[in-house]
Protein backbone atom coordinates (compact mmCIF):
# COMPACT_ATOMS: atom_id res chain seq x y z
CA UNK A 1 -10.83 -6.18 0.17
CA UNK A 2 -10.94 -3.16 2.49
CA UNK A 3 -13.08 -0.83 0.42
CA UNK A 4 -13.01 1.92 3.07
CA UNK A 5 -9.25 1.82 3.07
CA UNK A 6 -8.96 2.28 -0.68
CA UNK A 7 -10.98 5.46 -0.26
CA UNK A 8 -8.69 6.70 2.44
CA UNK A 9 -5.50 6.38 0.36
CA UNK A 10 -4.33 9.56 -1.38
CA UNK A 11 -1.62 10.27 -3.86
CA UNK A 12 1.41 11.63 -1.86
CA UNK A 13 0.14 9.88 1.30
CA UNK A 14 1.93 7.13 3.09
CA UNK A 15 0.86 3.54 3.68
CA UNK A 16 2.27 0.77 5.86
CA UNK A 17 2.43 -2.97 4.98
CA UNK A 18 2.52 -5.64 7.75
CA UNK A 19 1.86 -9.31 7.17
CA UNK A 20 3.96 -10.30 10.23
CA UNK A 21 6.57 -12.08 8.18
CA UNK A 22 10.25 -11.07 8.88
CA UNK A 23 11.08 -8.16 6.67
CA UNK A 24 7.42 -7.40 5.96
CA UNK A 25 6.62 -5.68 9.26
CA UNK A 26 5.62 -2.07 9.24
CA UNK A 27 7.25 -1.36 5.93
CA UNK A 28 6.18 2.08 4.80
CA UNK A 29 5.67 3.48 1.27
CA UNK A 30 4.60 6.66 -0.43
CA UNK A 31 1.62 6.51 -2.89
CA UNK A 32 2.88 7.88 -6.24
CA UNK A 33 -0.19 7.35 -8.35
CA UNK A 34 -3.67 5.88 -8.28
CA UNK A 35 -6.28 4.78 -10.81
CA UNK A 36 -9.62 3.04 -10.47
CA UNK A 37 -8.00 -0.38 -10.16
CA UNK A 38 -5.00 0.27 -7.90
CA UNK A 39 -2.02 2.30 -6.88
CA UNK A 40 1.67 2.69 -7.63
CA UNK A 41 3.78 2.94 -4.46
CA UNK A 42 7.41 3.35 -3.64
CA UNK A 43 8.38 1.26 -0.55
CA UNK A 44 11.14 2.81 1.51
CA UNK A 45 13.18 -0.36 1.35
CA UNK A 46 12.94 -1.01 -2.39
CA UNK A 47 14.46 0.49 -5.54
CA UNK A 48 11.55 -0.38 -7.77
CA UNK A 49 7.95 0.84 -7.58
CA UNK A 50 5.14 -1.62 -6.91
CA UNK A 51 1.64 -1.61 -8.46
CA UNK A 52 -1.00 -2.90 -6.03
CA UNK A 53 -4.51 -3.76 -7.19
CA UNK A 54 -7.25 -2.83 -4.76
CA UNK A 55 -8.81 -6.23 -5.44
CA UNK A 56 -5.69 -8.14 -4.18
CA UNK A 57 -6.40 -9.30 -0.61
CA UNK A 58 -2.83 -10.52 -0.26
CA UNK A 59 -1.82 -6.86 -0.31
CA UNK A 60 -4.86 -4.90 0.81
CA UNK A 61 -5.59 -7.03 3.95
CA UNK A 62 -2.23 -5.99 5.34
CA UNK A 63 -2.09 -2.28 4.38
CA UNK A 64 -2.94 0.60 6.72
CA UNK A 65 -2.84 4.36 6.09
CA UNK A 66 -0.08 6.19 7.97
CA UNK A 67 -1.48 9.23 9.75
């Protein structure tokens, strides 16, 4: 898990997800809420929100903060 990344993420901020699979490259989302375990995000290309645990490497290893 990228602990430093979790501390850089802020509610209202934007993140990008890129695991290099088609359709999963540089997909951006806005962070709607956070708690001690994870964050609720709204991806630009999805209708439903997604809850991402900070302890899930399958998510966190591919997320970056959009500046």
